[in-house]
Amino acid sequence: MSIPFYDFPSSPILIIGAFGIALAIAVFFISYQKYFNSPLNRELAEKKKALIKEKKELNERLEKIEQDLKNL
């Protein structure tokens, strides 16, 4: 009984296919990063507006607390 041994195929079409898959993954990764860091991304713009609004509210609360402390 012999154990079958398979060589890795060295076909040029397989090598080109592997490079194609690697290129597709690279393009997906780069486009994903560019989309979520884009100024045209609505979700990012809405989140930024919400954070600015929250910062303003927190600053107002802080000023009120400081005034209350001065009045004591």
PDB file of N, CA and C in Angstrom:
ATOM      1  N   MET A   1       0.837  -1.192   0.000  1.00  0.00           N
ATOM      2  CA  MET A   1       0.000   0.000   0.000  1.00  0.00           C
ATOM      3  C   MET A   1       0.876   1.247   0.000  1.00  0.00           C
ATOM      4  N   SER A   2       0.518   2.124  -0.857  1.00  0.00           N
ATOM      5  CA  SER A   2       1.269   3.379  -0.905  1.00  0.00           C
ATOM      6  C   SER A   2       0.335   4.544  -0.557  1.00  0.00           C
ATOM      7  N   ILE A   3       0.888   5.540   0.048  1.00  0.00           N
ATOM      8  CA  ILE A   3       0.123   6.737   0.423  1.00  0.00           C
ATOM      9  C   ILE A   3       0.178   7.707  -0.746  1.00  0.00           C
ATOM     10  N   PRO A   4      -0.974   8.150  -1.213  1.00  0.00           N
ATOM     11  CA  PRO A   4      -0.944   9.082  -2.347  1.00  0.00           C
ATOM     12  C   PRO A   4      -0.337  10.424  -1.932  1.00  0.00           C
ATOM     13  N   PHE A   5       0.460  10.980  -2.810  1.00  0.00           N
ATOM     14  CA  PHE A   5       1.116  12.262  -2.567  1.00  0.00           C
ATOM     15  C   PHE A   5       0.758  13.178  -3.719  1.00  0.00           C
ATOM     16  N   TYR A   6       0.270  14.330  -3.385  1.00  0.00           N
ATOM     17  CA  TYR A   6      -0.159  15.281  -4.413  1.00  0.00           C
ATOM     18  C   TYR A   6       0.778  16.467  -4.434  1.00  0.00           C
ATOM     19  N   ASP A   7       1.281  16.782  -5.607  1.00  0.00           N
ATOM     20  CA  ASP A   7       2.120  17.971  -5.775  1.00  0.00           C
ATOM     21  C   ASP A   7       1.223  19.198  -5.884  1.00  0.00           C
ATOM     22  N   PHE A   8       1.742  20.303  -5.376  1.00  0.00           N
ATOM     23  CA  PHE A   8       1.001  21.551  -5.565  1.00  0.00           C
ATOM     24  C   PHE A   8       1.100  21.934  -7.028  1.00  0.00           C
ATOM     25  N   PRO A   9      -0.045  22.130  -7.664  1.00  0.00           N
ATOM     26  CA  PRO A   9      -0.002  22.464  -9.095  1.00  0.00           C
ATOM     27  C   PRO A   9       0.721  23.783  -9.330  1.00  0.00           C
ATOM     28  N   SER A  10       1.548  23.812 -10.316  1.00  0.00           N
ATOM     29  CA  SER A  10       2.294  25.028 -10.643  1.00  0.00           C
ATOM     30  C   SER A  10       1.755  25.664 -11.921  1.00  0.00           C
ATOM     31  N   SER A  11       0.487  25.505 -12.129  1.00  0.00           N
ATOM     32  CA  SER A  11      -0.146  26.055 -13.320  1.00  0.00           C
ATOM     33  C   SER A  11      -0.175  27.579 -13.246  1.00  0.00           C
ATOM     34  N   PRO A  12       0.137  28.258 -14.333  1.00  0.00           N
ATOM     35  CA  PRO A  12       0.122  29.726 -14.329  1.00  0.00           C
ATOM     36  C   PRO A  12      -1.275  30.291 -14.039  1.00  0.00           C
ATOM     37  N   ILE A  13      -2.311  29.591 -14.439  1.00  0.00           N
ATOM     38  CA  ILE A  13      -3.662  30.099 -14.201  1.00  0.00           C
ATOM     39  C   ILE A  13      -3.976  30.115 -12.709  1.00  0.00           C
ATOM     40  N   LEU A  14      -3.435  29.143 -11.945  1.00  0.00           N
ATOM     41  CA  LEU A  14      -3.641  29.130 -10.501  1.00  0.00           C
ATOM     42  C   LEU A  14      -2.893  30.271  -9.822  1.00  0.00           C
ATOM     43  N   ILE A  15      -1.699  30.558 -10.299  1.00  0.00           N
ATOM     44  CA  ILE A  15      -0.911  31.655  -9.734  1.00  0.00           C
ATOM     45  C   ILE A  15      -1.599  32.990 -10.024  1.00  0.00           C
ATOM     46  N   ILE A  16      -2.077  33.159 -11.254  1.00  0.00           N
ATOM     47  CA  ILE A  16      -2.796  34.388 -11.612  1.00  0.00           C
ATOM     48  C   ILE A  16      -4.076  34.508 -10.777  1.00  0.00           C
ATOM     49  N   GLY A  17      -4.760  33.409 -10.560  1.00  0.00           N
ATOM     50  CA  GLY A  17      -5.972  33.422  -9.739  1.00  0.00           C
ATOM     51  C   GLY A  17      -5.686  33.799  -8.298  1.00  0.00           C
ATOM     52  N   ALA A  18      -4.587  33.297  -7.759  1.00  0.00           N
ATOM     53  CA  ALA A  18      -4.214  33.637  -6.382  1.00  0.00           C
ATOM     54  C   ALA A  18      -3.895  35.121  -6.271  1.00  0.00           C
ATOM     55  N   PHE A  19      -3.175  35.672  -7.243  1.00  0.00           N
ATOM     56  CA  PHE A  19      -2.902  37.110  -7.247  1.00  0.00           C
ATOM     57  C   PHE A  19      -4.190  37.916  -7.399  1.00  0.00           C
ATOM     58  N   GLY A  20      -5.112  37.403  -8.195  1.00  0.00           N
ATOM     59  CA  GLY A  20      -6.398  38.083  -8.370  1.00  0.00           C
ATOM     60  C   GLY A  20      -7.189  38.135  -7.072  1.00  0.00           C
ATOM     61  N   ILE A  21      -7.181  37.045  -6.335  1.00  0.00           N
ATOM     62  CA  ILE A  21      -7.879  37.015  -5.045  1.00  0.00           C
ATOM     63  C   ILE A  21      -7.210  37.978  -4.065  1.00  0.00           C
ATOM     64  N   ALA A  22      -5.877  37.985  -4.033  1.00  0.00           N
ATOM     65  CA  ALA A  22      -5.155  38.906  -3.147  1.00  0.00           C
ATOM     66  C   ALA A  22      -5.452  40.355  -3.526  1.00  0.00           C
ATOM     67  N   LEU A  23      -5.504  40.646  -4.801  1.00  0.00           N
ATOM     68  CA  LEU A  23      -5.813  42.003  -5.265  1.00  0.00           C
ATOM     69  C   LEU A  23      -7.236  42.399  -4.876  1.00  0.00           C
ATOM     70  N   ALA A  24      -8.189  41.481  -5.009  1.00  0.00           N
ATOM     71  CA  ALA A  24      -9.572  41.768  -4.643  1.00  0.00           C
ATOM     72  C   ALA A  24      -9.698  42.070  -3.151  1.00  0.00           C
ATOM     73  N   ILE A  25      -8.992  41.318  -2.333  1.00  0.00           N
ATOM     74  CA  ILE A  25      -9.019  41.569  -0.888  1.00  0.00           C
ATOM     75  C   ILE A  25      -8.402  42.926  -0.581  1.00  0.00           C
ATOM     76  N   ALA A  26      -7.298  43.269  -1.249  1.00  0.00           N
ATOM     77  CA  ALA A  26      -6.655  44.568  -1.035  1.00  0.00           C
ATOM     78  C   ALA A  26      -7.577  45.715  -1.453  1.00  0.00           C
ATOM     79  N   VAL A  27      -8.240  45.581  -2.587  1.00  0.00           N
ATOM     80  CA  VAL A  27      -9.163  46.623  -3.056  1.00  0.00           C
ATOM     81  C   VAL A  27     -10.328  46.766  -2.081  1.00  0.00           C
ATOM     82  N   PHE A  28     -10.863  45.665  -1.597  1.00  0.00           N
ATOM     83  CA  PHE A  28     -11.955  45.720  -0.629  1.00  0.00           C
ATOM     84  C   PHE A  28     -11.516  46.445   0.633  1.00  0.00           C
ATOM     85  N   PHE A  29     -10.342  46.105   1.155  1.00  0.00           N
ATOM     86  CA  PHE A  29      -9.842  46.728   2.376  1.00  0.00           C
ATOM     87  C   PHE A  29      -9.631  48.226   2.193  1.00  0.00           C
ATOM     88  N   ILE A  30      -9.006  48.633   1.102  1.00  0.00           N
ATOM     89  CA  ILE A  30      -8.724  50.051   0.856  1.00  0.00           C
ATOM     90  C   ILE A  30     -10.018  50.833   0.656  1.00  0.00           C
ATOM     91  N   SER A  31     -10.955  50.291  -0.120  1.00  0.00           N
ATOM     92  CA  SER A  31     -12.212  51.004  -0.344  1.00  0.00           C
ATOM     93  C   SER A  31     -13.030  51.100   0.939  1.00  0.00           C
ATOM     94  N   TYR A  32     -12.984  50.087   1.796  1.00  0.00           N
ATOM     95  CA  TYR A  32     -13.675  50.111   3.080  1.00  0.00           C
ATOM     96  C   TYR A  32     -13.108  51.225   3.951  1.00  0.00           C
ATOM     97  N   GLN A  33     -11.784  51.326   4.007  1.00  0.00           N
ATOM     98  CA  GLN A  33     -11.144  52.368   4.806  1.00  0.00           C
ATOM     99  C   GLN A  33     -11.462  53.755   4.253  1.00  0.00           C
ATOM    100  N   LYS A  34     -11.412  53.917   2.946  1.00  0.00           N
ATOM    101  CA  LYS A  34     -11.677  55.220   2.331  1.00  0.00           C
ATOM    102  C   LYS A  34     -13.129  55.637   2.542  1.00  0.00           C
ATOM    103  N   TYR A  35     -14.067  54.694   2.470  1.00  0.00           N
ATOM    104  CA  TYR A  35     -15.484  55.027   2.640  1.00  0.00           C
ATOM    105  C   TYR A  35     -15.758  55.518   4.050  1.00  0.00           C
ATOM    106  N   PHE A  36     -15.270  54.807   5.051  1.00  0.00           N
ATOM    107  CA  PHE A  36     -15.594  55.175   6.423  1.00  0.00           C
ATOM    108  C   PHE A  36     -14.810  56.376   6.909  1.00  0.00           C
ATOM    109  N   ASN A  37     -13.773  56.794   6.222  1.00  0.00           N
ATOM    110  CA  ASN A  37     -13.046  58.008   6.567  1.00  0.00           C
ATOM    111  C   ASN A  37     -13.395  59.159   5.636  1.00  0.00           C
ATOM    112  N   SER A  38     -14.364  58.960   4.770  1.00  0.00           N
ATOM    113  CA  SER A  38     -14.748  59.970   3.795  1.00  0.00           C
ATOM    114  C   SER A  38     -15.596  61.066   4.447  1.00  0.00           C
ATOM    115  N   PRO A  39     -15.391  62.328   4.058  1.00  0.00           N
ATOM    116  CA  PRO A  39     -16.252  63.394   4.581  1.00  0.00           C
ATOM    117  C   PRO A  39     -17.670  63.317   4.023  1.00  0.00           C
ATOM    118  N   LEU A  40     -17.881  62.523   2.994  1.00  0.00           N
ATOM    119  CA  LEU A  40     -19.214  62.381   2.404  1.00  0.00           C
ATOM    120  C   LEU A  40     -20.043  61.297   3.087  1.00  0.00           C
ATOM    121  N   ASN A  41     -19.463  60.598   4.040  1.00  0.00           N
ATOM    122  CA  ASN A  41     -20.157  59.541   4.764  1.00  0.00           C
ATOM    123  C   ASN A  41     -21.193  60.172   5.694  1.00  0.00           C
ATOM    124  N   ARG A  42     -22.472  59.906   5.458  1.00  0.00           N
ATOM    125  CA  ARG A  42     -23.553  60.509   6.241  1.00  0.00           C
ATOM    126  C   ARG A  42     -23.497  60.094   7.707  1.00  0.00           C
ATOM    127  N   GLU A  43     -23.225  58.824   7.956  1.00  0.00           N
ATOM    128  CA  GLU A  43     -23.184  58.332   9.336  1.00  0.00           C
ATOM    129  C   GLU A  43     -22.113  59.062  10.129  1.00  0.00           C
ATOM    130  N   LEU A  44     -20.963  59.270   9.510  1.00  0.00           N
ATOM    131  CA  LEU A  44     -19.869  59.960  10.189  1.00  0.00           C
ATOM    132  C   LEU A  44     -20.238  61.411  10.460  1.00  0.00           C
ATOM    133  N   ALA A  45     -20.892  62.062   9.493  1.00  0.00           N
ATOM    134  CA  ALA A  45     -21.301  63.454   9.682  1.00  0.00           C
ATOM    135  C   ALA A  45     -22.337  63.574  10.795  1.00  0.00           C
ATOM    136  N   GLU A  46     -23.310  62.657  10.836  1.00  0.00           N
ATOM    137  CA  GLU A  46     -24.331  62.693  11.884  1.00  0.00           C
ATOM    138  C   GLU A  46     -23.709  62.434  13.255  1.00  0.00           C
ATOM    139  N   LYS A  47     -22.784  61.516  13.318  1.00  0.00           N
ATOM    140  CA  LYS A  47     -22.125  61.222  14.584  1.00  0.00           C
ATOM    141  C   LYS A  47     -21.329  62.432  15.058  1.00  0.00           C
ATOM    142  N   LYS A  48     -20.657  63.114  14.135  1.00  0.00           N
ATOM    143  CA  LYS A  48     -19.887  64.296  14.487  1.00  0.00           C
ATOM    144  C   LYS A  48     -20.797  65.399  15.017  1.00  0.00           C
ATOM    145  N   LYS A  49     -21.948  65.605  14.355  1.00  0.00           N
ATOM    146  CA  LYS A  49     -22.899  66.616  14.823  1.00  0.00           C
ATOM    147  C   LYS A  49     -23.410  66.280  16.216  1.00  0.00           C
ATOM    148  N   ALA A  50     -23.723  65.015  16.452  1.00  0.00           N
ATOM    149  CA  ALA A  50     -24.234  64.589  17.759  1.00  0.00           C
ATOM    150  C   ALA A  50     -23.177  64.795  18.842  1.00  0.00           C
ATOM    151  N   LEU A  51     -21.920  64.502  18.526  1.00  0.00           N
ATOM    152  CA  LEU A  51     -20.855  64.681  19.506  1.00  0.00           C
ATOM    153  C   LEU A  51     -20.613  66.151  19.807  1.00  0.00           C
ATOM    154  N   ILE A  52     -20.700  67.001  18.794  1.00  0.00           N
ATOM    155  CA  ILE A  52     -20.540  68.446  19.007  1.00  0.00           C
ATOM    156  C   ILE A  52     -21.669  68.977  19.877  1.00  0.00           C
ATOM    157  N   LYS A  53     -22.895  68.514  19.611  1.00  0.00           N
ATOM    158  CA  LYS A  53     -24.038  68.934  20.417  1.00  0.00           C
ATOM    159  C   LYS A  53     -23.878  68.478  21.867  1.00  0.00           C
ATOM    160  N   GLU A  54     -23.444  67.246  22.054  1.00  0.00           N
ATOM    161  CA  GLU A  54     -23.244  66.717  23.406  1.00  0.00           C
ATOM    162  C   GLU A  54     -22.141  67.484  24.130  1.00  0.00           C
ATOM    163  N   LYS A  55     -21.081  67.840  23.419  1.00  0.00           N
ATOM    164  CA  LYS A  55     -19.994  68.613  24.016  1.00  0.00           C
ATOM    165  C   LYS A  55     -20.499  69.981  24.467  1.00  0.00           C
ATOM    166  N   LYS A  56     -21.325  70.609  23.631  1.00  0.00           N
ATOM    167  CA  LYS A  56     -21.885  71.921  23.978  1.00  0.00           C
ATOM    168  C   LYS A  56     -22.752  71.811  25.234  1.00  0.00           C
ATOM    169  N   GLU A  57     -23.585  70.788  25.299  1.00  0.00           N
ATOM    170  CA  GLU A  57     -24.446  70.599  26.468  1.00  0.00           C
ATOM    171  C   GLU A  57     -23.623  70.340  27.732  1.00  0.00           C
ATOM    172  N   LEU A  58     -22.589  69.547  27.601  1.00  0.00           N
ATOM    173  CA  LEU A  58     -21.731  69.269  28.756  1.00  0.00           C
ATOM    174  C   LEU A  58     -20.997  70.524  29.223  1.00  0.00           C
ATOM    175  N   ASN A  59     -20.549  71.349  28.283  1.00  0.00           N
ATOM    176  CA  ASN A  59     -19.892  72.602  28.656  1.00  0.00           C
ATOM    177  C   ASN A  59     -20.856  73.530  29.378  1.00  0.00           C
ATOM    178  N   GLU A  60     -22.116  73.581  28.926  1.00  0.00           N
ATOM    179  CA  GLU A  60     -23.115  74.409  29.592  1.00  0.00           C
ATOM    180  C   GLU A  60     -23.382  73.907  31.007  1.00  0.00           C
ATOM    181  N   ARG A  61     -23.485  72.598  31.164  1.00  0.00           N
ATOM    182  CA  ARG A  61     -23.694  72.024  32.501  1.00  0.00           C
ATOM    183  C   ARG A  61     -22.505  72.317  33.409  1.00  0.00           C
ATOM    184  N   LEU A  62     -21.302  72.234  32.861  1.00  0.00           N
ATOM    185  CA  LEU A  62     -20.098  72.514  33.635  1.00  0.00           C
ATOM    186  C   LEU A  62     -20.065  73.974  34.089  1.00  0.00           C
ATOM    187  N   GLU A  63     -20.433  74.878  33.193  1.00  0.00           N
ATOM    188  CA  GLU A  63     -20.476  76.289  33.557  1.00  0.00           C
ATOM    189  C   GLU A  63     -21.504  76.537  34.663  1.00  0.00           C
ATOM    190  N   LYS A  64     -22.649  75.886  34.568  1.00  0.00           N
ATOM    191  CA  LYS A  64     -23.678  76.040  35.592  1.00  0.00           C
ATOM    192  C   LYS A  64     -23.175  75.527  36.945  1.00  0.00           C
ATOM    193  N   ILE A  65     -22.493  74.384  36.932  1.00  0.00           N
ATOM    194  CA  ILE A  65     -21.963  73.824  38.165  1.00  0.00           C
ATOM    195  C   ILE A  65     -20.916  74.768  38.774  1.00  0.00           C
ATOM    196  N   GLU A  66     -20.070  75.333  37.919  1.00  0.00           N
ATOM    197  CA  GLU A  66     -19.064  76.272  38.397  1.00  0.00           C
ATOM    198  C   GLU A  66     -19.709  77.518  39.021  1.00  0.00           C
ATOM    199  N   GLN A  67     -20.778  77.990  38.403  1.00  0.00           N
ATOM    200  CA  GLN A  67     -21.511  79.143  38.945  1.00  0.00           C
ATOM    201  C   GLN A  67     -22.119  78.782  40.303  1.00  0.00           C
ATOM    202  N   ASP A  68     -22.692  77.610  40.396  1.00  0.00           N
ATOM    203  CA  ASP A  68     -23.291  77.165  41.677  1.00  0.00           C
ATOM    204  C   ASP A  68     -22.220  77.066  42.757  1.00  0.00           C
ATOM    205  N   LEU A  69     -21.048  76.593  42.391  1.00  0.00           N
ATOM    206  CA  LEU A  69     -19.965  76.490  43.377  1.00  0.00           C
ATOM    207  C   LEU A  69     -19.500  77.872  43.833  1.00  0.00           C
ATOM    208  N   LYS A  70     -19.462  78.831  42.926  1.00  0.00           N
ATOM    209  CA  LYS A  70     -19.056  80.189  43.280  1.00  0.00           C
ATOM    210  C   LYS A  70     -20.087  80.849  44.204  1.00  0.00           C
ATOM    211  N   ASN A  71     -21.353  80.487  44.006  1.00  0.00           N
ATOM    212  CA  ASN A  71     -22.428  81.082  44.803  1.00  0.00           C
ATOM    213  C   ASN A  71     -22.498  80.505  46.205  1.00  0.00           C
ATOM    214  N   LEU A  72     -21.845  79.419  46.480  1.00  0.00           N
ATOM    215  CA  LEU A  72     -21.879  78.828  47.808  1.00  0.00           C
ATOM    216  C   LEU A  72     -21.031  79.558  48.794  1.00  0.00           C
TER     217      LEU A  72
END
